[in-house]
């Protein structure tokens, strides 16, 4: 993660917003009193969703078990059916 001063961030705010949205890297903004992080809204929402899904120990175990199954190749291909009952291949 790149770190810049609050003064630098203020000078180039719109460029920083574009940067974090294009390359999905966060920027730490450092000031003498405290620091902050600038990140894309999509990345932030993804982190919040992940934290929510992993906040339940039961759900976390289930998700991590599913991830392990996928990594080991123990997956099953299934066809998807939407709300109207239409089959998608």
N, C-alpha and C. Protein backbone atom coordinates (compact mmCIF):
# COMPACT_ATOMS: atom_id res chain seq x y z
N UNK A 1 0.85 -1.17 0.00
CA UNK A 1 0.00 0.00 0.00
C UNK A 1 0.90 1.23 0.00
N UNK A 2 0.58 2.16 -0.87
CA UNK A 2 1.30 3.42 -0.95
C UNK A 2 0.86 4.33 0.18
N UNK A 3 1.79 5.09 0.73
CA UNK A 3 1.47 6.06 1.76
C UNK A 3 1.86 7.45 1.28
N UNK A 4 0.95 8.41 1.45
CA UNK A 4 1.23 9.80 1.10
C UNK A 4 0.72 10.70 2.22
N UNK A 5 1.20 11.92 2.22
CA UNK A 5 0.75 12.87 3.24
C UNK A 5 -0.64 13.40 2.89
N UNK A 6 -1.30 13.93 3.89
CA UNK A 6 -2.62 14.51 3.67
C UNK A 6 -2.53 15.69 2.70
N UNK A 7 -1.45 16.43 2.77
CA UNK A 7 -1.25 17.55 1.84
C UNK A 7 -1.16 17.06 0.41
N UNK A 8 -0.39 15.99 0.18
CA UNK A 8 -0.29 15.41 -1.17
C UNK A 8 -1.64 14.90 -1.63
N UNK A 9 -2.38 14.25 -0.74
CA UNK A 9 -3.69 13.71 -1.09
C UNK A 9 -4.65 14.83 -1.48
N UNK A 10 -4.60 15.91 -0.76
CA UNK A 10 -5.48 17.05 -1.05
C UNK A 10 -5.17 17.62 -2.43
N UNK A 11 -3.88 17.70 -2.79
CA UNK A 11 -3.48 18.25 -4.09
C UNK A 11 -3.94 17.37 -5.26
N UNK A 12 -4.03 16.06 -5.04
CA UNK A 12 -4.30 15.14 -6.14
C UNK A 12 -5.47 14.20 -5.84
N UNK A 13 -6.49 14.72 -5.16
CA UNK A 13 -7.59 13.86 -4.72
C UNK A 13 -8.28 13.14 -5.88
N UNK A 14 -8.62 13.87 -6.93
CA UNK A 14 -9.34 13.23 -8.04
C UNK A 14 -8.48 12.20 -8.75
N UNK A 15 -7.19 12.46 -8.87
CA UNK A 15 -6.28 11.47 -9.44
C UNK A 15 -6.17 10.23 -8.58
N UNK A 16 -6.15 10.41 -7.26
CA UNK A 16 -6.10 9.27 -6.35
C UNK A 16 -7.37 8.44 -6.42
N UNK A 17 -8.51 9.12 -6.53
CA UNK A 17 -9.78 8.39 -6.66
C UNK A 17 -9.76 7.53 -7.92
N UNK A 18 -9.30 8.09 -9.02
CA UNK A 18 -9.19 7.31 -10.26
C UNK A 18 -8.24 6.15 -10.09
N UNK A 19 -7.10 6.40 -9.46
CA UNK A 19 -6.07 5.36 -9.28
C UNK A 19 -6.60 4.17 -8.48
N UNK A 20 -7.23 4.42 -7.34
CA UNK A 20 -7.69 3.30 -6.51
C UNK A 20 -8.82 2.53 -7.17
N UNK A 21 -9.57 3.18 -8.04
CA UNK A 21 -10.63 2.49 -8.77
C UNK A 21 -10.09 1.69 -9.95
N UNK A 22 -9.02 2.17 -10.56
CA UNK A 22 -8.45 1.48 -11.72
C UNK A 22 -7.61 0.28 -11.32
N UNK A 23 -6.73 0.46 -10.34
CA UNK A 23 -5.80 -0.64 -10.01
C UNK A 23 -6.13 -1.37 -8.72
N UNK A 24 -7.19 -0.95 -8.05
CA UNK A 24 -7.67 -1.63 -6.83
C UNK A 24 -6.57 -1.76 -5.77
N UNK A 25 -5.72 -0.75 -5.66
CA UNK A 25 -4.78 -0.67 -4.55
C UNK A 25 -5.23 0.46 -3.64
N UNK A 26 -5.03 0.29 -2.37
CA UNK A 26 -5.40 1.32 -1.40
C UNK A 26 -4.26 2.30 -1.23
N UNK A 27 -4.59 3.51 -0.79
CA UNK A 27 -3.60 4.53 -0.51
C UNK A 27 -3.77 4.96 0.95
N UNK A 28 -2.69 4.87 1.71
CA UNK A 28 -2.73 5.35 3.10
C UNK A 28 -2.44 6.84 3.09
N UNK A 29 -3.30 7.60 3.75
CA UNK A 29 -3.12 9.04 3.86
C UNK A 29 -2.68 9.33 5.29
N UNK A 30 -1.48 9.87 5.41
CA UNK A 30 -0.83 10.06 6.71
C UNK A 30 -0.90 11.53 7.11
N UNK A 31 -1.34 11.78 8.34
CA UNK A 31 -1.29 13.13 8.89
C UNK A 31 -0.66 13.06 10.28
N UNK A 32 -0.38 14.20 10.86
CA UNK A 32 0.32 14.17 12.16
C UNK A 32 -0.56 13.63 13.29
N UNK A 33 -1.88 13.76 13.17
CA UNK A 33 -2.77 13.30 14.23
C UNK A 33 -3.25 11.86 14.04
N UNK A 34 -3.54 11.48 12.80
CA UNK A 34 -4.05 10.14 12.54
C UNK A 34 -3.93 9.83 11.05
N UNK A 35 -4.16 8.59 10.71
CA UNK A 35 -4.05 8.15 9.32
C UNK A 35 -5.40 7.65 8.83
N UNK A 36 -5.54 7.59 7.51
CA UNK A 36 -6.76 7.08 6.89
C UNK A 36 -6.36 6.29 5.65
N UNK A 37 -7.32 5.55 5.11
CA UNK A 37 -7.07 4.76 3.90
C UNK A 37 -8.11 5.14 2.86
N UNK A 38 -7.64 5.37 1.63
CA UNK A 38 -8.53 5.63 0.50
C UNK A 38 -8.56 4.37 -0.35
N UNK A 39 -9.76 3.88 -0.61
CA UNK A 39 -9.92 2.68 -1.43
C UNK A 39 -11.18 2.83 -2.27
N UNK A 40 -11.30 2.00 -3.31
CA UNK A 40 -12.49 2.07 -4.16
C UNK A 40 -13.72 1.62 -3.37
N UNK A 41 -14.86 2.13 -3.77
CA UNK A 41 -16.11 1.73 -3.11
C UNK A 41 -16.36 0.25 -3.30
N UNK A 42 -16.07 -0.27 -4.50
CA UNK A 42 -16.26 -1.71 -4.75
C UNK A 42 -15.41 -2.55 -3.81
N UNK A 43 -14.14 -2.16 -3.61
CA UNK A 43 -13.27 -2.90 -2.71
C UNK A 43 -13.76 -2.82 -1.27
N UNK A 44 -14.22 -1.64 -0.87
CA UNK A 44 -14.76 -1.46 0.48
C UNK A 44 -15.98 -2.36 0.70
N UNK A 45 -16.92 -2.32 -0.26
CA UNK A 45 -18.12 -3.14 -0.13
C UNK A 45 -17.79 -4.62 -0.10
N UNK A 46 -16.79 -5.02 -0.86
CA UNK A 46 -16.35 -6.42 -0.85
C UNK A 46 -15.80 -6.81 0.52
N UNK A 47 -15.01 -5.94 1.12
CA UNK A 47 -14.46 -6.22 2.45
C UNK A 47 -15.57 -6.31 3.50
N UNK A 48 -16.54 -5.40 3.43
CA UNK A 48 -17.65 -5.42 4.38
C UNK A 48 -18.45 -6.70 4.23
N UNK A 49 -18.73 -7.10 2.99
CA UNK A 49 -19.49 -8.33 2.74
C UNK A 49 -18.73 -9.55 3.25
N UNK A 50 -17.42 -9.60 2.99
CA UNK A 50 -16.61 -10.73 3.46
C UNK A 50 -16.61 -10.79 4.99
N UNK A 51 -16.44 -9.65 5.63
CA UNK A 51 -16.46 -9.62 7.10
C UNK A 51 -17.81 -10.10 7.63
N UNK A 52 -18.89 -9.68 6.98
CA UNK A 52 -20.22 -10.12 7.41
C UNK A 52 -20.38 -11.63 7.25
N UNK A 53 -19.98 -12.16 6.09
CA UNK A 53 -20.14 -13.59 5.85
C UNK A 53 -19.29 -14.43 6.81
N UNK A 54 -18.14 -13.91 7.20
CA UNK A 54 -17.26 -14.66 8.10
C UNK A 54 -17.54 -14.38 9.57
N UNK A 55 -18.48 -13.47 9.86
CA UNK A 55 -18.76 -13.13 11.27
C UNK A 55 -19.49 -14.25 12.00
N UNK A 56 -20.18 -15.09 11.29
CA UNK A 56 -20.83 -16.24 11.89
C UNK A 56 -19.87 -17.43 11.83
N UNK A 57 -19.49 -18.01 12.97
CA UNK A 57 -18.56 -19.14 12.95
C UNK A 57 -19.06 -20.30 12.10
N UNK A 58 -20.35 -20.57 12.14
CA UNK A 58 -20.90 -21.68 11.34
C UNK A 58 -20.76 -21.37 9.85
N UNK A 59 -21.13 -20.17 9.46
CA UNK A 59 -21.03 -19.78 8.05
C UNK A 59 -19.57 -19.75 7.61
N UNK A 60 -18.69 -19.26 8.46
CA UNK A 60 -17.26 -19.20 8.12
C UNK A 60 -16.72 -20.60 7.87
N UNK A 61 -17.06 -21.56 8.73
CA UNK A 61 -16.59 -22.94 8.53
C UNK A 61 -17.13 -23.51 7.22
N UNK A 62 -18.40 -23.25 6.94
CA UNK A 62 -19.02 -23.76 5.71
C UNK A 62 -18.33 -23.17 4.48
N UNK A 63 -18.12 -21.84 4.49
CA UNK A 63 -17.48 -21.19 3.34
C UNK A 63 -16.04 -21.65 3.16
N UNK A 64 -15.29 -21.75 4.25
CA UNK A 64 -13.90 -22.19 4.15
C UNK A 64 -13.82 -23.64 3.71
N UNK A 65 -14.77 -24.47 4.15
CA UNK A 65 -14.83 -25.85 3.69
C UNK A 65 -15.12 -25.93 2.20
N UNK A 66 -16.02 -25.09 1.73
CA UNK A 66 -16.34 -25.05 0.30
C UNK A 66 -15.13 -24.60 -0.52
N UNK A 67 -14.41 -23.64 0.00
CA UNK A 67 -13.20 -23.17 -0.68
C UNK A 67 -12.16 -24.28 -0.77
N UNK A 68 -11.99 -25.02 0.30
CA UNK A 68 -11.04 -26.14 0.30
C UNK A 68 -11.47 -27.21 -0.71
N UNK A 69 -12.77 -27.49 -0.77
CA UNK A 69 -13.26 -28.46 -1.76
C UNK A 69 -12.95 -28.00 -3.18
N UNK A 70 -13.16 -26.73 -3.46
CA UNK A 70 -12.89 -26.20 -4.79
C UNK A 70 -11.40 -26.28 -5.12
N UNK A 71 -10.56 -25.95 -4.15
CA UNK A 71 -9.11 -26.01 -4.38
C UNK A 71 -8.62 -27.43 -4.62
N UNK A 72 -9.26 -28.40 -4.00
CA UNK A 72 -8.84 -29.79 -4.16
C UNK A 72 -9.49 -30.46 -5.37
N UNK A 73 -10.35 -29.72 -6.08
CA UNK A 73 -10.99 -30.27 -7.26
C UNK A 73 -12.24 -31.07 -6.97
N UNK A 74 -12.71 -31.05 -5.74
CA UNK A 74 -13.92 -31.80 -5.36
C UNK A 74 -15.17 -30.95 -5.59
N UNK A 75 -15.43 -30.65 -6.85
CA UNK A 75 -16.58 -29.81 -7.17
C UNK A 75 -17.58 -30.59 -8.03
N UNK A 76 -18.78 -30.11 -8.05
CA UNK A 76 -19.84 -30.71 -8.86
C UNK A 76 -20.42 -29.62 -9.75
N UNK A 77 -20.45 -29.86 -11.05
CA UNK A 77 -21.02 -28.90 -11.98
C UNK A 77 -22.54 -29.05 -11.97
N UNK A 78 -23.23 -27.93 -11.84
CA UNK A 78 -24.70 -27.95 -11.81
C UNK A 78 -25.23 -26.90 -12.78
N UNK A 79 -26.42 -27.13 -13.28
CA UNK A 79 -27.08 -26.16 -14.14
C UNK A 79 -27.87 -25.21 -13.26
N UNK A 80 -27.94 -23.95 -13.69
CA UNK A 80 -28.64 -22.94 -12.92
C UNK A 80 -30.05 -22.73 -13.46
N UNK A 81 -30.99 -22.54 -12.57
CA UNK A 81 -32.37 -22.25 -12.94
C UNK A 81 -32.72 -20.91 -12.29
N UNK A 82 -33.18 -19.96 -13.11
CA UNK A 82 -33.51 -18.64 -12.56
C UNK A 82 -34.90 -18.65 -11.90
N UNK A 83 -35.32 -17.49 -11.41
CA UNK A 83 -36.59 -17.37 -10.68
C UNK A 83 -37.80 -17.76 -11.52
N UNK A 84 -37.70 -17.61 -12.84
CA UNK A 84 -38.81 -17.95 -13.72
C UNK A 84 -38.80 -19.43 -14.10
N UNK A 85 -37.83 -20.18 -13.64
CA UNK A 85 -37.74 -21.59 -13.95
C UNK A 85 -37.00 -21.90 -15.24
N UNK A 86 -36.36 -20.87 -15.83
CA UNK A 86 -35.61 -21.08 -17.06
C UNK A 86 -34.23 -21.65 -16.75
N UNK A 87 -33.82 -22.63 -17.53
CA UNK A 87 -32.54 -23.31 -17.35
C UNK A 87 -31.44 -22.52 -18.05
N UNK A 88 -30.32 -22.32 -17.37
CA UNK A 88 -29.16 -21.64 -17.94
C UNK A 88 -27.98 -22.59 -17.92
N UNK A 89 -27.35 -22.78 -19.05
CA UNK A 89 -26.20 -23.69 -19.15
C UNK A 89 -24.92 -22.92 -19.23
